[in-house]
C-alpha atoms as a PDB file:
ATOM      1  CA  MET A   1       0.229  -0.137   0.152  1.00  0.00           C
ATOM      2  CA  PHE A   2       2.947   2.460   0.829  1.00  0.00           C
ATOM      3  CA  GLU A   3       5.720   0.921  -0.826  1.00  0.00           C
ATOM      4  CA  GLY A   4       8.120   3.589  -2.042  1.00  0.00           C
ATOM      5  CA  LYS A   5       6.112   6.270  -0.338  1.00  0.00           C
ATOM      6  CA  VAL A   6       7.175   5.978   3.358  1.00  0.00           C
ATOM      7  CA  ALA A   7      10.294   6.459   5.420  1.00  0.00           C
ATOM      8  CA  PHE A   8      11.239   6.950   8.965  1.00  0.00           C
ATOM      9  CA  ALA A   9      14.783   8.195  10.450  1.00  0.00           C
ATOM     10  CA  VAL A  10      15.493   6.923  13.929  1.00  0.00           C
ATOM     11  CA  GLY A  11      18.324   6.802  16.462  1.00  0.00           C
ATOM     12  CA  THR A  12      19.224   7.377  20.262  1.00  0.00           C
ATOM     13  CA  GLY A  13      18.214  11.247  20.032  1.00  0.00           C
ATOM     14  CA  ARG A  14      20.811  14.013  19.806  1.00  0.00           C
ATOM     15  CA  CYS A  15      21.819  12.337  16.594  1.00  0.00           C
ATOM     16  CA  GLY A  16      20.345  14.553  13.846  1.00  0.00           C
ATOM     17  CA  THR A  17      16.590  13.612  13.622  1.00  0.00           C
ATOM     18  CA  LYS A  18      15.696  17.320  13.698  1.00  0.00           C
ATOM     19  CA  PHE A  19      18.310  18.152  11.206  1.00  0.00           C
ATOM     20  CA  ILE A  20      17.047  15.467   8.823  1.00  0.00           C
ATOM     21  CA  HIS A  21      13.691  16.504   9.251  1.00  0.00           C
ATOM     22  CA  GLU A  22      14.387  20.242   8.297  1.00  0.00           C
ATOM     23  CA  ILE A  23      16.280  18.947   5.138  1.00  0.00           C
ATOM     24  CA  MET A  24      13.624  16.490   4.288  1.00  0.00           C
ATOM     25  CA  ARG A  25      10.487  18.847   4.630  1.00  0.00           C
ATOM     26  CA  ARG A  26      12.082  21.157   2.041  1.00  0.00           C
ATOM     27  CA  THR A  27      12.693  18.314  -0.272  1.00  0.00           C
ATOM     28  CA  PRO A  28      10.119  18.735  -3.348  1.00  0.00           C
ATOM     29  CA  GLY A  29       7.270  16.426  -2.828  1.00  0.00           C
ATOM     30  CA  VAL A  30       8.162  15.248   0.831  1.00  0.00           C
ATOM     31  CA  ILE A  31       5.700  15.816   3.704  1.00  0.00           C
ATOM     32  CA  SER A  32       8.069  15.747   6.615  1.00  0.00           C
ATOM     33  CA  THR A  33       7.490  15.584  10.391  1.00  0.00           C
ATOM     34  CA  HIS A  34       9.420  15.687  13.804  1.00  0.00           C
ATOM     35  CA  GLU A  35       8.082  13.216  16.666  1.00  0.00           C
ATOM     36  CA  ARG A  36       4.689  13.330  15.204  1.00  0.00           C
ATOM     37  CA  HIS A  37       3.139  11.185  18.061  1.00  0.00           C
ATOM     38  CA  PRO A  38       5.592  11.520  20.920  1.00  0.00           C
ATOM     39  CA  LEU A  39       3.332  10.028  23.433  1.00  0.00           C
ATOM     40  CA  ASN A  40       2.328   7.024  21.427  1.00  0.00           C
ATOM     41  CA  ASP A  41       5.610   6.072  20.232  1.00  0.00           C
ATOM     42  CA  ALA A  42       7.587   6.617  23.508  1.00  0.00           C
ATOM     43  CA  PHE A  43       5.195   4.269  24.934  1.00  0.00           C
ATOM     44  CA  HIS A  44       5.395   1.720  22.087  1.00  0.00           C
ATOM     45  CA  ARG A  45       9.242   2.048  22.747  1.00  0.00           C
ATOM     46  CA  TYR A  46       8.799   1.678  26.708  1.00  0.00           C
ATOM     47  CA  CYS A  47       6.764  -1.456  25.869  1.00  0.00           C
ATOM     48  CA  LYS A  48       9.251  -3.086  23.563  1.00  0.00           C
ATOM     49  CA  TRP A  49      12.244  -2.347  25.843  1.00  0.00           C
ATOM     50  CA  TYR A  50      10.652  -4.053  28.667  1.00  0.00           C
ATOM     51  CA  ASN A  51       8.983  -6.779  26.747  1.00  0.00           C
ATOM     52  CA  LEU A  52       5.564  -5.704  27.816  1.00  0.00           C
ATOM     53  CA  PRO A  53       2.630  -7.585  26.062  1.00  0.00           C
ATOM     54  CA  VAL A  54       0.733  -5.179  23.949  1.00  0.00           C
ATOM     55  CA  ASP A  55      -1.044  -5.127  20.810  1.00  0.00           C
ATOM     56  CA  ASN A  56       0.744  -3.315  17.862  1.00  0.00           C
ATOM     57  CA  ALA A  57      -2.579  -2.645  15.925  1.00  0.00           C
ATOM     58  CA  GLY A  58      -3.302   0.758  17.546  1.00  0.00           C
ATOM     59  CA  PHE A  59       0.243   1.824  17.072  1.00  0.00           C
ATOM     60  CA  VAL A  60       0.224   1.064  13.300  1.00  0.00           C
ATOM     61  CA  LEU A  61      -3.294   2.547  12.843  1.00  0.00           C
ATOM     62  CA  VAL A  62      -2.267   5.835  14.232  1.00  0.00           C
ATOM     63  CA  LYS A  63       0.782   5.910  11.779  1.00  0.00           C
ATOM     64  CA  LYS A  64      -1.354   4.977   8.671  1.00  0.00           C
ATOM     65  CA  ARG A  65      -3.766   7.794   9.280  1.00  0.00           C
ATOM     66  CA  ALA A  66      -1.009  10.170   9.467  1.00  0.00           C
ATOM     67  CA  ILE A  67       0.919   8.759   6.375  1.00  0.00           C
ATOM     68  CA  LEU A  68      -2.602   8.931   4.385  1.00  0.00           C
ATOM     69  CA  GLU A  69      -3.086  12.481   5.389  1.00  0.00           C
ATOM     70  CA  ASP A  70       0.571  13.185   4.455  1.00  0.00           C
ATOM     71  CA  LEU A  71       0.022  11.821   0.786  1.00  0.00           C
ATOM     72  CA  LYS A  72      -3.031  13.871   0.213  1.00  0.00           C
ATOM     73  CA  GLN A  73      -0.463  16.958   0.377  1.00  0.00           C
ATOM     74  CA  GLY A  74       2.575  15.374  -1.242  1.00  0.00           C
ATOM     75  CA  SER A  75       3.994  12.323  -2.664  1.00  0.00           C
ATOM     76  CA  PHE A  76       6.248  10.897   0.011  1.00  0.00           C
ATOM     77  CA  SER A  77       5.708  10.798   3.996  1.00  0.00           C
ATOM     78  CA  PHE A  78       8.723  11.188   6.232  1.00  0.00           C
ATOM     79  CA  GLU A  79       9.093  11.094   9.656  1.00  0.00           C
ATOM     80  CA  ALA A  80      12.059  11.510  11.921  1.00  0.00           C
ATOM     81  CA  SER A  81      11.784  10.110  15.603  1.00  0.00           C
ATOM     82  CA  ALA A  82      14.159   8.585  18.144  1.00  0.00           C
ATOM     83  CA  HIS A  83      10.812   7.378  19.922  1.00  0.00           C
ATOM     84  CA  LEU A  84      10.531   4.804  17.032  1.00  0.00           C
ATOM     85  CA  SER A  85      13.896   3.108  17.396  1.00  0.00           C
ATOM     86  CA  LEU A  86      12.439  -0.189  18.700  1.00  0.00           C
ATOM     87  CA  SER A  87       9.396  -0.003  16.327  1.00  0.00           C
ATOM     88  CA  LEU A  88      11.262  -0.997  13.102  1.00  0.00           C
ATOM     89  CA  LYS A  89       9.557  -4.306  12.676  1.00  0.00           C
ATOM     90  CA  GLU A  90       6.210  -2.647  12.548  1.00  0.00           C
ATOM     91  CA  LEU A  91       7.145   0.057  10.366  1.00  0.00           C
ATOM     92  CA  TYR A  92       8.720  -2.221   7.925  1.00  0.00           C
ATOM     93  CA  GLU A  93       6.211  -4.841   7.829  1.00  0.00           C
ATOM     94  CA  GLU A  94       3.090  -3.064   8.132  1.00  0.00           C
ATOM     95  CA  LEU A  95       3.817   0.187   6.190  1.00  0.00           C
ATOM     96  CA  SER A  96       6.677  -0.954   3.797  1.00  0.00           C
ATOM     97  CA  ALA A  97       8.736   1.856   5.178  1.00  0.00           C
ATOM     98  CA  ARG A  98      12.346   2.523   4.415  1.00  0.00           C
ATOM     99  CA  ILE A  99      14.672   3.146   7.559  1.00  0.00           C
ATOM    100  CA  ILE A 100      17.485   5.675   8.119  1.00  0.00           C
ATOM    101  CA  PHE A 101      19.389   4.768  10.993  1.00  0.00           C
ATOM    102  CA  LEU A 102      21.111   7.924  12.032  1.00  0.00           C
ATOM    103  CA  VAL A 103      24.352   7.731  14.421  1.00  0.00           C
ATOM    104  CA  ARG A 104      26.746  10.138  16.026  1.00  0.00           C
ATOM    105  CA  ASP A 105      29.880  10.005  17.734  1.00  0.00           C
ATOM    106  CA  PRO A 106      28.769   8.423  21.248  1.00  0.00           C
ATOM    107  CA  MET A 107      30.725  10.873  23.504  1.00  0.00           C
ATOM    108  CA  ALA A 108      29.085  13.875  21.693  1.00  0.00           C
ATOM    109  CA  VAL A 109      25.577  12.293  22.307  1.00  0.00           C
ATOM    110  CA  VAL A 110      26.480  11.609  26.164  1.00  0.00           C
ATOM    111  CA  ARG A 111      27.704  15.273  26.369  1.00  0.00           C
ATOM    112  CA  SER A 112      24.509  16.536  24.697  1.00  0.00           C
ATOM    113  CA  TYR A 113      22.362  14.521  26.986  1.00  0.00           C
ATOM    114  CA  LEU A 114      24.313  15.551  30.321  1.00  0.00           C
ATOM    115  CA  ARG A 115      23.453  18.900  29.303  1.00  0.00           C
ATOM    116  CA  LYS A 116      19.767  18.020  28.891  1.00  0.00           C
ATOM    117  CA  GLY A 117      19.864  16.680  32.535  1.00  0.00           C
ATOM    118  CA  TRP A 118      19.052  12.969  31.549  1.00  0.00           C
ATOM    119  CA  TYR A 119      19.121  10.439  34.347  1.00  0.00           C
ATOM    120  CA  SER A 120      19.348  13.189  37.009  1.00  0.00           C
ATOM    121  CA  ASP A 121      16.279  11.811  38.884  1.00  0.00           C
ATOM    122  CA  PRO A 122      16.741   8.897  41.201  1.00  0.00           C
ATOM    123  CA  ILE A 123      14.332   6.000  40.311  1.00  0.00           C
ATOM    124  CA  THR A 124      12.934   3.662  43.034  1.00  0.00           C
ATOM    125  CA  ARG A 125      12.817  -0.189  41.954  1.00  0.00           C
ATOM    126  CA  THR A 126      12.702  -3.217  44.187  1.00  0.00           C
ATOM    127  CA  ASP A 127      12.542  -5.657  41.135  1.00  0.00           C
ATOM    128  CA  THR A 128      15.080  -4.540  38.394  1.00  0.00           C
ATOM    129  CA  ALA A 129      14.053  -7.101  36.086  1.00  0.00           C
ATOM    130  CA  ILE A 130      10.687  -5.707  35.215  1.00  0.00           C
ATOM    131  CA  ALA A 131       9.364  -2.292  34.076  1.00  0.00           C
ATOM    132  CA  PRO A 132       9.338   0.563  36.533  1.00  0.00           C
ATOM    133  CA  PHE A 133       6.355   2.214  37.594  1.00  0.00           C
ATOM    134  CA  PHE A 134       5.602   6.194  37.587  1.00  0.00           C
ATOM    135  CA  GLN A 135       7.357   8.153  40.343  1.00  0.00           C
ATOM    136  CA  LYS A 136       4.972  11.026  40.620  1.00  0.00           C
ATOM    137  CA  GLU A 137       1.350  11.229  41.475  1.00  0.00           C
ATOM    138  CA  ASN A 138      -0.911  11.881  38.249  1.00  0.00           C
ATOM    139  CA  PRO A 139       1.884  12.545  35.837  1.00  0.00           C
ATOM    140  CA  LEU A 140       1.169  14.968  33.066  1.00  0.00           C
ATOM    141  CA  PRO A 141       1.426  13.572  29.652  1.00  0.00           C
ATOM    142  CA  SER A 142       4.938  15.459  29.339  1.00  0.00           C
ATOM    143  CA  GLU A 143       6.097  13.753  32.442  1.00  0.00           C
ATOM    144  CA  MET A 144       4.605  10.381  31.195  1.00  0.00           C
ATOM    145  CA  TRP A 145       6.555  10.947  27.892  1.00  0.00           C
ATOM    146  CA  HIS A 146       9.725  11.894  29.800  1.00  0.00           C
ATOM    147  CA  PHE A 147       9.650   8.841  32.219  1.00  0.00           C
ATOM    148  CA  TRP A 148       9.203   6.450  29.385  1.00  0.00           C
ATOM    149  CA  GLY A 149      12.195   7.798  27.555  1.00  0.00           C
ATOM    150  CA  ARG A 150      14.588   7.050  30.277  1.00  0.00           C
ATOM    151  CA  LEU A 151      15.117   3.578  29.682  1.00  0.00           C
ATOM    152  CA  LEU A 152      16.703   1.449  32.501  1.00  0.00           C
ATOM    153  CA  PRO A 153      18.824  -1.807  32.439  1.00  0.00           C
ATOM    154  CA  THR A 154      17.071  -5.027  33.597  1.00  0.00           C
ATOM    155  CA  ASP A 155      20.154  -7.201  33.697  1.00  0.00           C
ATOM    156  CA  GLU A 156      23.386  -7.404  35.882  1.00  0.00           C
ATOM    157  CA  VAL A 157      23.856  -3.505  35.059  1.00  0.00           C
ATOM    158  CA  ALA A 158      20.929  -2.841  36.978  1.00  0.00           C
ATOM    159  CA  GLN A 159      22.124  -4.087  40.179  1.00  0.00           C
ATOM    160  CA  SER A 160      24.926  -1.312  40.252  1.00  0.00           C
ATOM    161  CA  TRP A 161      22.885   1.427  38.209  1.00  0.00           C
ATOM    162  CA  ASP A 162      22.636   3.761  41.404  1.00  0.00           C
ATOM    163  CA  GLU A 163      26.369   3.803  41.751  1.00  0.00           C
ATOM    164  CA  LEU A 164      27.131   4.835  38.228  1.00  0.00           C
ATOM    165  CA  SER A 165      27.832   8.194  37.050  1.00  0.00           C
ATOM    166  CA  ARG A 166      25.461   9.946  34.698  1.00  0.00           C
ATOM    167  CA  ALA A 167      27.978   9.819  32.034  1.00  0.00           C
ATOM    168  CA  ALA A 168      28.269   6.044  32.372  1.00  0.00           C
ATOM    169  CA  LYS A 169      24.318   5.858  32.501  1.00  0.00           C
ATOM    170  CA  LEU A 170      24.153   7.621  29.148  1.00  0.00           C
ATOM    171  CA  GLY A 171      27.095   5.302  27.498  1.00  0.00           C
ATOM    172  CA  TRP A 172      24.866   2.498  28.564  1.00  0.00           C
ATOM    173  CA  TYR A 173      21.895   3.900  26.941  1.00  0.00           C
ATOM    174  CA  TRP A 174      23.826   4.789  23.816  1.00  0.00           C
ATOM    175  CA  GLN A 175      25.184   1.339  23.718  1.00  0.00           C
ATOM    176  CA  ASN A 176      22.282  -0.739  24.221  1.00  0.00           C
ATOM    177  CA  LEU A 177      19.772   1.222  22.289  1.00  0.00           C
ATOM    178  CA  ASN A 178      22.009   1.235  19.201  1.00  0.00           C
ATOM    179  CA  GLN A 179      22.640  -2.413  19.644  1.00  0.00           C
ATOM    180  CA  ARG A 180      18.767  -3.297  19.522  1.00  0.00           C
ATOM    181  CA  VAL A 181      18.681  -1.034  16.439  1.00  0.00           C
ATOM    182  CA  LEU A 182      21.232  -2.892  14.951  1.00  0.00           C
ATOM    183  CA  GLU A 183      19.447  -6.426  15.694  1.00  0.00           C
ATOM    184  CA  GLN A 184      16.180  -5.380  14.194  1.00  0.00           C
ATOM    185  CA  LEU A 185      17.729  -4.160  10.898  1.00  0.00           C
ATOM    186  CA  LYS A 186      19.260  -7.455  10.546  1.00  0.00           C
ATOM    187  CA  GLU A 187      15.556  -8.786   9.976  1.00  0.00           C
ATOM    188  CA  ILE A 188      14.803  -5.885   7.275  1.00  0.00           C
ATOM    189  CA  PRO A 189      16.322  -6.355   3.633  1.00  0.00           C
ATOM    190  CA  PRO A 190      19.375  -4.146   2.801  1.00  0.00           C
ATOM    191  CA  SER A 191      17.169  -2.319   0.085  1.00  0.00           C
ATOM    192  CA  HIS A 192      14.988  -0.828   2.983  1.00  0.00           C
ATOM    193  CA  HIS A 193      17.573   0.510   5.297  1.00  0.00           C
ATOM    194  CA  MET A 194      20.580   2.565   5.485  1.00  0.00           C
ATOM    195  CA  THR A 195      23.082   3.972   8.147  1.00  0.00           C
ATOM    196  CA  VAL A 196      23.962   7.571   8.129  1.00  0.00           C
ATOM    197  CA  LYS A 197      26.755   9.239  10.391  1.00  0.00           C
ATOM    198  CA  LEU A 198      25.713  12.878  11.421  1.00  0.00           C
ATOM    199  CA  GLU A 199      29.423  13.827  11.163  1.00  0.00           C
ATOM    200  CA  GLU A 200      29.332  12.782   7.496  1.00  0.00           C
ATOM    201  CA  PHE A 201      25.840  14.344   6.675  1.00  0.00           C
ATOM    202  CA  ASP A 202      27.088  16.580   3.855  1.00  0.00           C
ATOM    203  CA  TYR A 203      25.395  17.156   0.369  1.00  0.00           C
ATOM    204  CA  GLU A 204      26.851  14.113  -1.101  1.00  0.00           C
ATOM    205  CA  CYS A 205      25.276  11.921   1.793  1.00  0.00           C
ATOM    206  CA  TYR A 206      21.813  13.998   0.996  1.00  0.00           C
ATOM    207  CA  LEU A 207      21.869  12.695  -2.456  1.00  0.00           C
ATOM    208  CA  ASN A 208      22.660   9.267  -1.434  1.00  0.00           C
ATOM    209  CA  ILE A 209      19.374   9.402   0.918  1.00  0.00           C
ATOM    210  CA  VAL A 210      17.545  10.762  -1.896  1.00  0.00           C
ATOM    211  CA  SER A 211      18.350   7.946  -4.241  1.00  0.00           C
ATOM    212  CA  PHE A 212      17.813   5.574  -1.470  1.00  0.00           C
ATOM    213  CA  LEU A 213      14.290   6.863  -0.941  1.00  0.00           C
ATOM    214  CA  GLN A 214      13.876   6.802  -4.799  1.00  0.00           C
ATOM    215  CA  LEU A 215      12.643  10.490  -4.520  1.00  0.00           C
ATOM    216  CA  GLU A 216      12.285  12.281  -7.818  1.00  0.00           C
ATOM    217  CA  ARG A 217      13.851  15.670  -6.794  1.00  0.00           C
ATOM    218  CA  ALA A 218      16.539  17.033  -4.538  1.00  0.00           C
ATOM    219  CA  LEU A 219      17.179  20.254  -2.939  1.00  0.00           C
ATOM    220  CA  PRO A 220      19.977  22.440  -4.756  1.00  0.00           C
ATOM    221  CA  GLN A 221      23.304  22.336  -2.838  1.00  0.00           C
ATOM    222  CA  ASN A 222      23.191  25.866  -1.981  1.00  0.00           C
ATOM    223  CA  GLU A 223      19.773  25.527  -0.156  1.00  0.00           C
ATOM    224  CA  PHE A 224      21.302  22.542   1.657  1.00  0.00           C
ATOM    225  CA  GLU A 225      24.238  24.153   3.050  1.00  0.00           C
ATOM    226  CA  ARG A 226      22.089  26.950   4.085  1.00  0.00           C
ATOM    227  CA  ILE A 227      20.061  24.821   6.298  1.00  0.00           C
ATOM    228  CA  ALA A 228      23.239  22.956   7.518  1.00  0.00           C
ATOM    229  CA  ALA A 229      24.661  26.093   8.613  1.00  0.00           C
ATOM    230  CA  GLU A 230      21.517  26.740  10.680  1.00  0.00           C
ATOM    231  CA  ARG A 231      21.381  23.336  12.037  1.00  0.00           C
ATOM    232  CA  PRO A 232      18.724  22.860  14.644  1.00  0.00           C
ATOM    233  CA  ASN A 233      20.118  21.785  18.276  1.00  0.00           C
ATOM    234  CA  LYS A 234      23.630  22.594  17.125  1.00  0.00           C
ATOM    235  CA  SER A 235      25.841  22.509  20.362  1.00  0.00           C
ATOM    236  CA  SER A 236      28.748  24.575  20.839  1.00  0.00           C
ATOM    237  CA  ALA A 237      32.204  23.276  20.481  1.00  0.00           C
ATOM    238  CA  VAL A 238      33.261  22.651  24.158  1.00  0.00           C
ATOM    239  CA  SER A 239      35.898  20.000  24.755  1.00  0.00           C
ATOM    240  CA  ILE A 240      34.679  16.959  26.763  1.00  0.00           C
ATOM    241  CA  ALA A 241      37.578  17.707  29.099  1.00  0.00           C
ATOM    242  CA  GLU A 242      36.049  20.897  30.004  1.00  0.00           C
ATOM    243  CA  GLU A 243      32.720  19.527  31.066  1.00  0.00           C
ATOM    244  CA  TRP A 244      33.412  15.984  32.917  1.00  0.00           C
ATOM    245  CA  GLY A 245      36.094  14.220  34.729  1.00  0.00           C
ATOM    246  CA  THR A 246      38.438  11.723  33.306  1.00  0.00           C
ATOM    247  CA  LYS A 247      36.822   9.093  35.525  1.00  0.00           C
ATOM    248  CA  GLU A 248      33.367   9.720  34.011  1.00  0.00           C
ATOM    249  CA  LYS A 249      34.523   9.814  30.530  1.00  0.00           C
ATOM    250  CA  GLU A 250      36.316   6.432  30.906  1.00  0.00           C
ATOM    251  CA  GLU A 251      33.282   5.039  32.415  1.00  0.00           C
ATOM    252  CA  ALA A 252      31.154   6.189  29.426  1.00  0.00           C
ATOM    253  CA  MET A 253      33.794   5.038  26.821  1.00  0.00           C
ATOM    254  CA  ARG A 254      33.604   1.494  28.567  1.00  0.00           C
ATOM    255  CA  PHE A 255      30.090   1.176  27.671  1.00  0.00           C
ATOM    256  CA  VAL A 256      30.058   2.799  24.142  1.00  0.00           C
ATOM    257  CA  LYS A 257      33.180   1.112  22.490  1.00  0.00           C
ATOM    258  CA  PRO A 258      31.982  -2.133  21.431  1.00  0.00           C
ATOM    259  CA  VAL A 259      29.083  -0.766  19.315  1.00  0.00           C
ATOM    260  CA  ALA A 260      31.037   2.599  18.495  1.00  0.00           C
ATOM    261  CA  GLN A 261      33.475   0.463  16.589  1.00  0.00           C
ATOM    262  CA  VAL A 262      30.876  -1.780  14.957  1.00  0.00           C
ATOM    263  CA  LEU A 263      29.146   1.456  13.669  1.00  0.00           C
ATOM    264  CA  GLY A 264      32.621   2.721  12.346  1.00  0.00           C
ATOM    265  CA  TYR A 265      33.993   4.946  14.813  1.00  0.00           C
ATOM    266  CA  ARG A 266      37.283   4.735  16.109  1.00  0.00           C
ATOM    267  CA  VAL A 267      39.078   6.015  19.465  1.00  0.00           C
ATOM    268  CA  CYS A 268      40.962   9.322  18.726  1.00  0.00           C
ATOM    269  CA  ASN A 269      42.010  11.972  21.279  1.00  0.00           C
ATOM    270  CA  GLY A 270      39.833  10.600  23.942  1.00  0.00           C
ATOM    271  CA  GLY A 271      36.764  10.607  21.780  1.00  0.00           C
ATOM    272  CA  PHE A 272      35.558   8.962  18.652  1.00  0.00           C
ATOM    273  CA  ASN A 273      35.804   9.718  15.010  1.00  0.00           C
ATOM    274  CA  PRO A 274      34.057   8.303  12.031  1.00  0.00           C
ATOM    275  CA  GLN A 275      36.538   5.882  10.046  1.00  0.00           C
ATOM    276  CA  GLN A 276      37.404   5.460   6.368  1.00  0.00           C
ATOM    277  CA  VAL A 277      34.424   7.478   4.705  1.00  0.00           C
ATOM    278  CA  ALA A 278      35.463  10.712   6.145  1.00  0.00           C
ATOM    279  CA  GLU A 279      39.057  10.213   5.295  1.00  0.00           C
ATOM    280  CA  THR A 280      37.952   9.190   1.704  1.00  0.00           C
ATOM    281  CA  ARG A 281      35.990  12.158   1.202  1.00  0.00           C
ATOM    282  CA  SER A 282      38.918  14.625   2.558  1.00  0.00           C
ATOM    283  CA  SER A 283      41.037  13.144  -0.058  1.00  0.00           C
ATOM    284  CA  LYS A 284      38.703  13.915  -3.049  1.00  0.00           C
ATOM    285  CA  SER A 285      39.337  17.034  -4.998  1.00  0.00           C
ATOM    286  CA  PRO A 286      36.486  19.602  -5.081  1.00  0.00           C
ATOM    287  CA  LYS A 287      36.318  18.844  -8.830  1.00  0.00           C
ATOM    288  CA  LYS A 288      35.816  15.045  -8.579  1.00  0.00           C
ATOM    289  CA  SER A 289      33.022  15.759  -5.582  1.00  0.00           C
ATOM    290  CA  LEU A 290      31.023  18.120  -7.952  1.00  0.00           C
ATOM    291  CA  GLY A 291      31.404  15.626 -10.897  1.00  0.00           C
ATOM    292  CA  ASP A 292      30.000  12.949  -8.440  1.00  0.00           C
ATOM    293  CA  ASN A 293      27.276  15.141  -7.143  1.00  0.00           C
ATOM    294  CA  LEU A 294      26.187  16.237 -10.767  1.00  0.00           C
ATOM    295  CA  ARG A 295      25.938  12.597 -11.901  1.00  0.00           C
ATOM    296  CA  LYS A 296      23.593  11.904  -8.790  1.00  0.00           C
ATOM    297  CA  LEU A 297      21.519  14.716  -9.494  1.00  0.00           C
ATOM    298  CA  LYS A 298      21.316  13.885 -13.194  1.00  0.00           C
ATOM    299  CA  LYS A 299      20.193  10.555 -12.251  1.00  0.00           C
ATOM    300  CA  ILE A 300      17.387  11.741  -9.752  1.00  0.00           C
ATOM    301  CA  TYR A 301      16.419  14.198 -12.698  1.00  0.00           C
ATOM    302  CA  LEU A 302      16.055  11.258 -15.037  1.00  0.00           C
ATOM    303  CA  ASN A 303      13.920   9.182 -12.721  1.00  0.00           C
ATOM    304  CA  PHE A 304      11.684  12.185 -12.478  1.00  0.00           C
ATOM    305  CA  ILE A 305      11.312  12.731 -15.984  1.00  0.00           C
ATOM    306  CA  LEU A 306      10.545   8.858 -16.371  1.00  0.00           C
ATOM    307  CA  SER A 307       7.939   9.190 -13.745  1.00  0.00           C
ATOM    308  CA  GLU A 308       6.305  12.266 -15.048  1.00  0.00           C
ATOM    309  CA  PHE A 309       6.210  10.288 -18.446  1.00  0.00           C
ATOM    310  CA  ARG A 310       4.531   7.474 -16.881  1.00  0.00           C
ATOM    311  CA  LYS A 311       1.953   9.340 -15.281  1.00  0.00           C
ATOM    312  CA  HIS A 312       0.796  11.127 -18.490  1.00  0.00           C
ATOM    313  CA  PHE A 313       0.784   8.360 -21.035  1.00  0.00           C
ATOM    314  CA  TYR A 314       0.236   5.175 -18.870  1.00  0.00           C
ATOM    315  CA  ARG A 315      -2.667   6.196 -16.948  1.00  0.00           C
END
């Protein structure tokens, strides 16, 4: 029903979902939203994380309704939301959606969440093997969403959770959520998912996304660069060492390192850098990069012409 018309971008949060939404909502034919159903989707992720039995039909129904409304206004429906990171099976099987998995330097994500106050509030649990209950009387929707989003361990890490620093807790969160996303992607055909590093999200990467989604048109490079220069949620360039101690940083790195390496990040100057791709790109001459981008734009434009031809002569 929706094949070739729907895509979702997911990740841990603080990884570029707002940025890709801003880019996609300006891409011709695309109707894009950011965290369209935060309460619904945060609850669905909560249920998935703690293996709570819940019927997925309502979750899918709400998404279908929203997509149908999008397709009345445009030819492609796009949503970016970290809350959907554990819902990939339903998004692919029920909506034929393509998935963009956004990743970012884990230490940058941890630093960003530290600034936002994540894992500041203590949680009372007597049984760490099951889902925790609300810690406030009659929580407001925003408080429910906040609570569901702060995932907690149910394994041996839970036994020492209260002794961990906030940086270590966020390292655990980054590692485990990304690991769960990778496990889901193994069950989805390669034709329907791609991974994008935020550090490499330049115009060339954008054109690759346009081709992956089989879109007919793309933004011109100057428009992309303008949006990138005003990137939402862009944090100031403050070194990690200025914000947290060596002990906290080492604790976070202990958690994130295995998955960071799987995702193509390497340890560099006390943090992580993307491997290979960034190095390859930096070695390209401006002339070659321009030629590559022009060829991609030409391919996108030819697909658009063919699509318009079919619409007019094969109705």
